[in-house]
Amino acid sequence: MARIAFLGLGVMGYPMAGHLAAAGHEVTVYNRTTAKAEKWVSEHGGRLGKTPAETAKGAEFVMACVGNDNDLRGVCTGADGAFTGMSSGAIFVDHTTVSAKVTRELAATAAAAGIGYVDAPISGGQAGAENGVLSVMCGGDQAAYDKAEKVIDAYARICRRIGDTGAGQTAKMMNQICIAGLVQGLSEALAFGEKAGLDGAAVVEVISQGAAGSWQMANRYKTMLAGEFEHGFAVDWMRKDLAICLATGEELGAALPVTALVDQFYKDVQAMGGGRWDTSSLIKRLKAFDG
């Protein structure tokens, strides 16, 4: 069992840290909103840290699951940052979806202090975090990954090292590119079926068993048909991720025409007041614009 610090107790981090505690690890948590960290400790035991540096002190592994590039820099660097509290030989594991640029920047800072760094963004949504069946795509040094994998297993269905530093984040971009197109296609299909007077649930029961089947179809079609969009990853966060994808695509010279289009559709959803709706709300936008 390991001494672990967990930074960020949002909808993903909260249950992930819980799985670590349930596995028998010694867990200390930090969250920007202290009340949430206090609630976690009351439910799972462990300890509460007042700053990232204090939380990370003495930890063999420091896991982070925060919001964006700036949030990650904030918990890593500075006088109160986790890197300040970590000992040489400890390993920092970042589960946040951020740019590969900030990943390489922070990994270099960590390396200078003798700290291992694994970028390990996650996929599977809130349900995946709660059930401990996340997909984790990793980048970083092989030796650091081999040590971290044993800890990550507490909440992963699958965990793989894709390549060197930044490869995990680039793999997560591929994941988000796939999701954008899938959700738009599913939205169009369900709206089309409704216009045609078909029973959407009956149709999905059939086509989900064939080539059209996907995780999005299996897990979101019922709530999409019901017009319920409070069940997953928020549109605001998806647009943050797609911005990273589009910027990286431009840097690489990789065309992302569908991703760019769906990003604008999500912008429309935000304008409808749906920034906190989940990503399947594309169907609501489609119906609104279709009249």
Protein backbone atom coordinates (compact mmCIF):
# COMPACT_ATOMS: atom_id res chain seq x y z
CA MET A 1 0.00 0.00 0.00
CA ALA A 2 1.22 3.51 -0.79
CA ARG A 3 1.08 6.99 0.69
CA ILE A 4 -0.95 9.00 -1.81
CA ALA A 5 -1.96 12.64 -2.15
CA PHE A 6 -5.00 13.44 -4.28
CA LEU A 7 -5.52 17.00 -5.56
CA GLY A 8 -8.97 17.90 -6.88
CA LEU A 9 -12.22 16.37 -5.70
CA GLY A 10 -14.61 17.16 -8.54
CA VAL A 11 -17.12 14.74 -10.05
CA MET A 12 -14.23 12.54 -11.20
CA GLY A 13 -11.60 13.05 -8.51
CA TYR A 14 -13.94 12.51 -5.56
CA PRO A 15 -14.81 8.88 -6.38
CA MET A 16 -11.32 8.14 -7.74
CA ALA A 17 -9.76 9.13 -4.43
CA GLY A 18 -12.41 7.00 -2.73
CA HIS A 19 -11.32 3.92 -4.68
CA LEU A 20 -7.74 4.50 -3.57
CA ALA A 21 -8.82 4.63 0.07
CA ALA A 22 -10.98 1.51 -0.37
CA ALA A 23 -7.95 -0.30 -1.82
CA GLY A 24 -6.11 0.33 1.44
CA HIS A 25 -3.84 3.19 0.42
CA GLU A 26 -3.08 6.00 2.87
CA VAL A 27 -4.75 8.98 1.19
CA THR A 28 -4.45 12.70 1.92
CA VAL A 29 -6.74 14.98 -0.10
CA TYR A 30 -6.80 18.61 -1.15
CA ASN A 31 -9.57 20.57 -2.80
CA ARG A 32 -9.89 24.27 -3.50
CA THR A 33 -13.29 24.18 -1.76
CA THR A 34 -12.33 22.87 1.68
CA ALA A 35 -15.85 21.75 2.59
CA LYS A 36 -15.77 19.10 -0.13
CA ALA A 37 -12.44 17.77 1.15
CA GLU A 38 -13.85 17.64 4.68
CA LYS A 39 -16.85 15.70 3.40
CA TRP A 40 -14.57 13.23 1.61
CA VAL A 41 -12.53 12.63 4.77
CA SER A 42 -15.70 12.10 6.79
CA GLU A 43 -16.78 9.41 4.32
CA HIS A 44 -13.48 7.72 3.50
CA GLY A 45 -11.08 8.50 6.30
CA GLY A 46 -7.59 9.67 5.46
CA ARG A 47 -6.37 13.21 6.00
CA LEU A 48 -7.00 16.71 4.73
CA GLY A 49 -4.24 18.96 3.40
CA LYS A 50 -4.53 22.76 3.51
CA THR A 51 -2.35 23.36 0.45
CA PRO A 52 -1.10 21.18 -2.41
CA ALA A 53 2.41 21.36 -0.94
CA GLU A 54 1.25 20.22 2.50
CA THR A 55 -0.89 17.48 0.97
CA ALA A 56 1.99 16.17 -1.14
CA LYS A 57 4.54 16.10 1.67
CA GLY A 58 5.73 12.55 2.27
CA ALA A 59 3.56 11.10 -0.51
CA GLU A 60 4.96 8.46 -2.83
CA PHE A 61 2.39 9.37 -5.45
CA VAL A 62 0.55 12.64 -6.03
CA MET A 63 -2.53 12.38 -8.25
CA ALA A 64 -4.20 15.48 -9.72
CA CYS A 65 -7.59 15.85 -11.37
CA VAL A 66 -8.31 19.57 -11.74
CA GLY A 67 -9.79 21.82 -14.42
CA ASN A 68 -7.43 23.19 -17.05
CA ASP A 69 -3.83 24.22 -17.83
CA ASN A 70 -3.81 27.13 -15.37
CA ASP A 71 -5.41 25.07 -12.60
CA LEU A 72 -2.78 22.40 -13.06
CA ARG A 73 0.08 24.91 -12.98
CA GLY A 74 -1.46 26.36 -9.83
CA VAL A 75 -1.49 23.08 -7.91
CA CYS A 76 1.98 22.07 -9.13
CA THR A 77 4.18 25.15 -8.88
CA GLY A 78 4.77 28.10 -6.58
CA ALA A 79 5.40 28.20 -2.84
CA ASP A 80 2.25 26.18 -2.09
CA GLY A 81 2.49 23.91 -5.12
CA ALA A 82 2.73 20.14 -4.90
CA PHE A 83 6.23 20.05 -6.40
CA THR A 84 7.46 22.05 -3.41
CA GLY A 85 6.23 19.39 -0.99
CA MET A 86 7.25 16.32 -2.98
CA SER A 87 10.43 14.39 -2.30
CA SER A 88 12.90 13.27 -4.94
CA GLY A 89 11.77 9.90 -6.27
CA ALA A 90 8.05 10.60 -5.77
CA ILE A 91 5.77 10.41 -8.82
CA PHE A 92 3.22 12.99 -9.98
CA VAL A 93 0.27 11.56 -11.95
CA ASP A 94 -1.91 14.06 -13.80
CA HIS A 95 -5.43 12.90 -14.65
CA THR A 96 -6.51 16.35 -15.89
CA THR A 97 -7.19 16.85 -19.59
CA VAL A 98 -4.75 19.61 -20.52
CA SER A 99 -2.51 20.56 -23.43
CA ALA A 100 0.55 18.49 -24.24
CA LYS A 101 2.47 21.79 -24.04
CA VAL A 102 1.78 22.35 -20.34
CA THR A 103 2.39 18.66 -19.70
CA ARG A 104 5.89 18.85 -21.15
CA GLU A 105 6.54 22.11 -19.29
CA LEU A 106 5.57 20.67 -15.91
CA ALA A 107 7.26 17.33 -16.57
CA ALA A 108 10.53 19.18 -17.18
CA THR A 109 10.10 21.14 -13.94
CA ALA A 110 9.40 17.91 -12.08
CA ALA A 111 12.41 16.16 -13.61
CA ALA A 112 14.69 18.96 -12.46
CA ALA A 113 13.53 18.23 -8.90
CA GLY A 114 13.96 14.47 -9.27
CA ILE A 115 10.19 13.92 -9.45
CA GLY A 116 8.64 11.42 -11.87
CA TYR A 117 5.76 12.65 -14.04
CA VAL A 118 3.04 10.67 -15.79
CA ASP A 119 0.34 12.37 -17.86
CA ALA A 120 -2.68 10.11 -17.47
CA PRO A 121 -5.92 11.66 -18.75
CA ILE A 122 -9.06 9.59 -18.27
CA SER A 123 -12.20 8.62 -20.16
CA GLY A 124 -15.39 7.00 -18.95
CA GLY A 125 -17.28 9.88 -17.39
CA GLN A 126 -18.64 10.26 -13.90
CA ALA A 127 -20.15 6.76 -13.98
CA GLY A 128 -16.78 5.30 -14.92
CA ALA A 129 -15.11 7.10 -12.02
CA GLU A 130 -17.78 6.01 -9.55
CA ASN A 131 -17.63 2.39 -10.70
CA GLY A 132 -13.83 2.29 -10.95
CA VAL A 133 -13.82 1.38 -14.65
CA LEU A 134 -12.04 4.32 -16.29
CA SER A 135 -9.87 4.13 -19.39
CA VAL A 136 -6.51 5.73 -18.65
CA MET A 137 -4.09 6.72 -21.42
CA CYS A 138 -0.59 7.57 -20.23
CA GLY A 139 2.59 9.26 -21.31
CA GLY A 140 5.92 9.47 -19.56
CA ASP A 141 8.98 7.52 -18.52
CA GLN A 142 8.45 3.75 -18.55
CA ALA A 143 9.81 3.24 -15.03
CA ALA A 144 7.57 5.95 -13.56
CA TYR A 145 4.57 4.53 -15.41
CA ASP A 146 5.24 0.99 -14.18
CA LYS A 147 5.11 2.20 -10.57
CA ALA A 148 2.05 4.42 -11.09
CA GLU A 149 0.05 1.78 -12.94
CA LYS A 150 -0.28 -0.32 -9.78
CA VAL A 151 -1.97 2.62 -8.04
CA ILE A 152 -4.11 3.68 -11.02
CA ASP A 153 -5.53 0.16 -11.21
CA ALA A 154 -7.77 1.03 -8.24
CA TYR A 155 -10.12 2.94 -10.58
CA ALA A 156 -9.21 1.74 -14.07
CA ARG A 157 -10.73 -0.81 -16.41
CA ILE A 158 -7.74 -0.37 -18.68
CA CYS A 159 -4.49 1.59 -18.27
CA ARG A 160 -1.84 1.80 -20.99
CA ARG A 161 1.35 3.74 -21.61
CA ILE A 162 1.03 5.23 -25.09
CA GLY A 163 4.47 6.81 -25.29
CA ASP A 164 6.72 9.51 -23.88
CA THR A 165 5.62 12.65 -22.02
CA GLY A 166 2.57 14.22 -23.67
CA ALA A 167 1.46 11.05 -25.43
CA GLY A 168 -1.33 10.48 -22.92
CA GLN A 169 -2.74 13.94 -23.53
CA THR A 170 -2.51 13.51 -27.30
CA ALA A 171 -4.36 10.20 -27.01
CA LYS A 172 -7.07 11.93 -24.98
CA MET A 173 -7.44 14.47 -27.81
CA MET A 174 -8.13 11.55 -30.14
CA ASN A 175 -10.75 10.34 -27.67
CA GLN A 176 -12.52 13.70 -27.63
CA ILE A 177 -12.37 14.01 -31.42
CA CYS A 178 -14.13 10.63 -31.68
CA ILE A 179 -16.77 11.58 -29.12
CA ALA A 180 -17.61 14.88 -30.84
CA GLY A 181 -18.47 13.17 -34.11
CA LEU A 182 -20.25 10.25 -32.44
CA VAL A 183 -22.57 12.42 -30.35
CA GLN A 184 -23.50 14.61 -33.31
CA GLY A 185 -24.22 11.54 -35.45
CA LEU A 186 -26.33 9.98 -32.69
CA SER A 187 -28.22 13.27 -32.23
CA GLU A 188 -28.99 13.46 -35.94
CA ALA A 189 -30.13 9.83 -36.06
CA LEU A 190 -32.48 10.15 -33.07
CA ALA A 191 -33.95 13.44 -34.32
CA PHE A 192 -34.36 11.94 -37.80
CA GLY A 193 -36.17 8.91 -36.39
CA GLU A 194 -38.50 11.14 -34.38
CA LYS A 195 -39.39 13.12 -37.53
CA ALA A 196 -40.10 9.84 -39.30
CA GLY A 197 -42.45 8.74 -36.53
CA LEU A 198 -40.34 5.81 -35.38
CA ASP A 199 -39.92 4.49 -31.84
CA GLY A 200 -36.35 5.63 -31.16
CA ALA A 201 -35.81 3.17 -28.30
CA ALA A 202 -36.94 0.25 -30.45
CA VAL A 203 -34.65 1.27 -33.28
CA VAL A 204 -31.66 1.68 -30.97
CA GLU A 205 -32.29 -1.76 -29.50
CA VAL A 206 -31.67 -3.16 -32.96
CA ILE A 207 -28.95 -0.93 -34.41
CA SER A 208 -26.90 -0.84 -31.20
CA GLN A 209 -26.16 -4.52 -31.78
CA GLY A 210 -24.71 -3.80 -35.22
CA ALA A 211 -22.07 -1.53 -36.73
CA ALA A 212 -23.73 1.65 -35.42
CA GLY A 213 -23.33 0.63 -31.78
CA SER A 214 -21.19 2.76 -29.44
CA TRP A 215 -20.76 3.65 -25.78
CA GLN A 216 -22.57 6.91 -26.43
CA MET A 217 -25.53 5.10 -27.94
CA ALA A 218 -25.74 2.52 -25.17
CA ASN A 219 -25.42 5.03 -22.33
CA ARG A 220 -27.05 8.21 -23.62
CA TYR A 221 -29.88 7.45 -26.02
CA LYS A 222 -32.57 7.12 -23.34
CA THR A 223 -31.79 10.46 -21.71
CA MET A 224 -31.40 12.12 -25.11
CA LEU A 225 -34.86 10.94 -26.14
CA ALA A 226 -36.21 12.17 -22.79
CA GLY A 227 -34.53 15.57 -23.15
CA GLU A 228 -32.48 15.07 -19.98
CA PHE A 229 -28.94 16.43 -20.04
CA GLU A 230 -27.63 16.26 -16.48
CA HIS A 231 -25.84 12.94 -16.72
CA GLY A 232 -22.31 13.46 -17.87
CA PHE A 233 -19.43 15.62 -19.04
CA ALA A 234 -20.42 19.29 -19.31
CA VAL A 235 -20.44 21.22 -22.59
CA ASP A 236 -18.18 23.91 -21.07
CA TRP A 237 -15.51 21.29 -20.39
CA MET A 238 -15.94 19.67 -23.78
CA ARG A 239 -15.33 23.01 -25.50
CA LYS A 240 -12.18 23.42 -23.42
CA ASP A 241 -11.00 20.02 -24.62
CA LEU A 242 -11.94 20.63 -28.24
CA ALA A 243 -10.05 23.92 -28.20
CA ILE A 244 -6.95 21.94 -27.25
CA CYS A 245 -7.64 19.45 -30.04
CA LEU A 246 -8.11 22.17 -32.66
CA ALA A 247 -5.01 24.11 -31.60
CA THR A 248 -2.91 20.95 -31.65
CA GLY A 249 -4.37 19.95 -35.01
CA GLU A 250 -3.30 23.30 -36.42
CA GLU A 251 0.21 22.84 -35.00
CA LEU A 252 0.47 19.36 -36.54
CA GLY A 253 -1.15 20.27 -39.84
CA ALA A 254 -3.90 17.71 -39.16
CA ALA A 255 -7.34 18.56 -40.58
CA LEU A 256 -10.22 18.32 -38.08
CA PRO A 257 -13.23 19.59 -40.08
CA VAL A 258 -15.93 17.64 -38.22
CA THR A 259 -14.42 18.50 -34.83
CA ALA A 260 -14.37 22.21 -35.74
CA LEU A 261 -18.01 22.07 -36.83
CA VAL A 262 -19.21 20.24 -33.71
CA ASP A 263 -17.26 22.69 -31.55
CA GLN A 264 -19.37 25.48 -33.06
CA PHE A 265 -22.52 23.46 -32.38
CA TYR A 266 -21.46 23.26 -28.74
CA LYS A 267 -20.97 27.02 -28.81
CA ASP A 268 -24.63 27.26 -29.85
CA VAL A 269 -25.58 25.05 -26.89
CA GLN A 270 -23.72 27.43 -24.57
CA ALA A 271 -25.65 30.34 -26.09
CA MET A 272 -28.86 28.44 -25.26
CA GLY A 273 -27.78 28.41 -21.60
CA GLY A 274 -26.54 24.84 -21.74
CA GLY A 275 -22.93 25.22 -20.68
CA ARG A 276 -23.48 22.82 -17.78
CA TRP A 277 -25.64 20.39 -19.77
CA ASP A 278 -23.86 17.19 -20.70
CA THR A 279 -22.40 16.70 -24.17
CA SER A 280 -25.41 14.73 -25.44
CA SER A 281 -27.35 18.03 -25.47
CA LEU A 282 -26.35 18.42 -29.12
CA ILE A 283 -29.74 16.88 -29.89
CA LYS A 284 -31.47 19.77 -28.11
CA ARG A 285 -29.55 22.24 -30.24
CA LEU A 286 -30.41 20.28 -33.38
CA LYS A 287 -34.13 20.32 -32.60
CA ALA A 288 -34.05 24.03 -31.71
CA PHE A 289 -32.32 24.99 -34.97
CA ASP A 290 -34.44 22.60 -37.01
CA GLY A 291 -37.61 24.20 -35.73
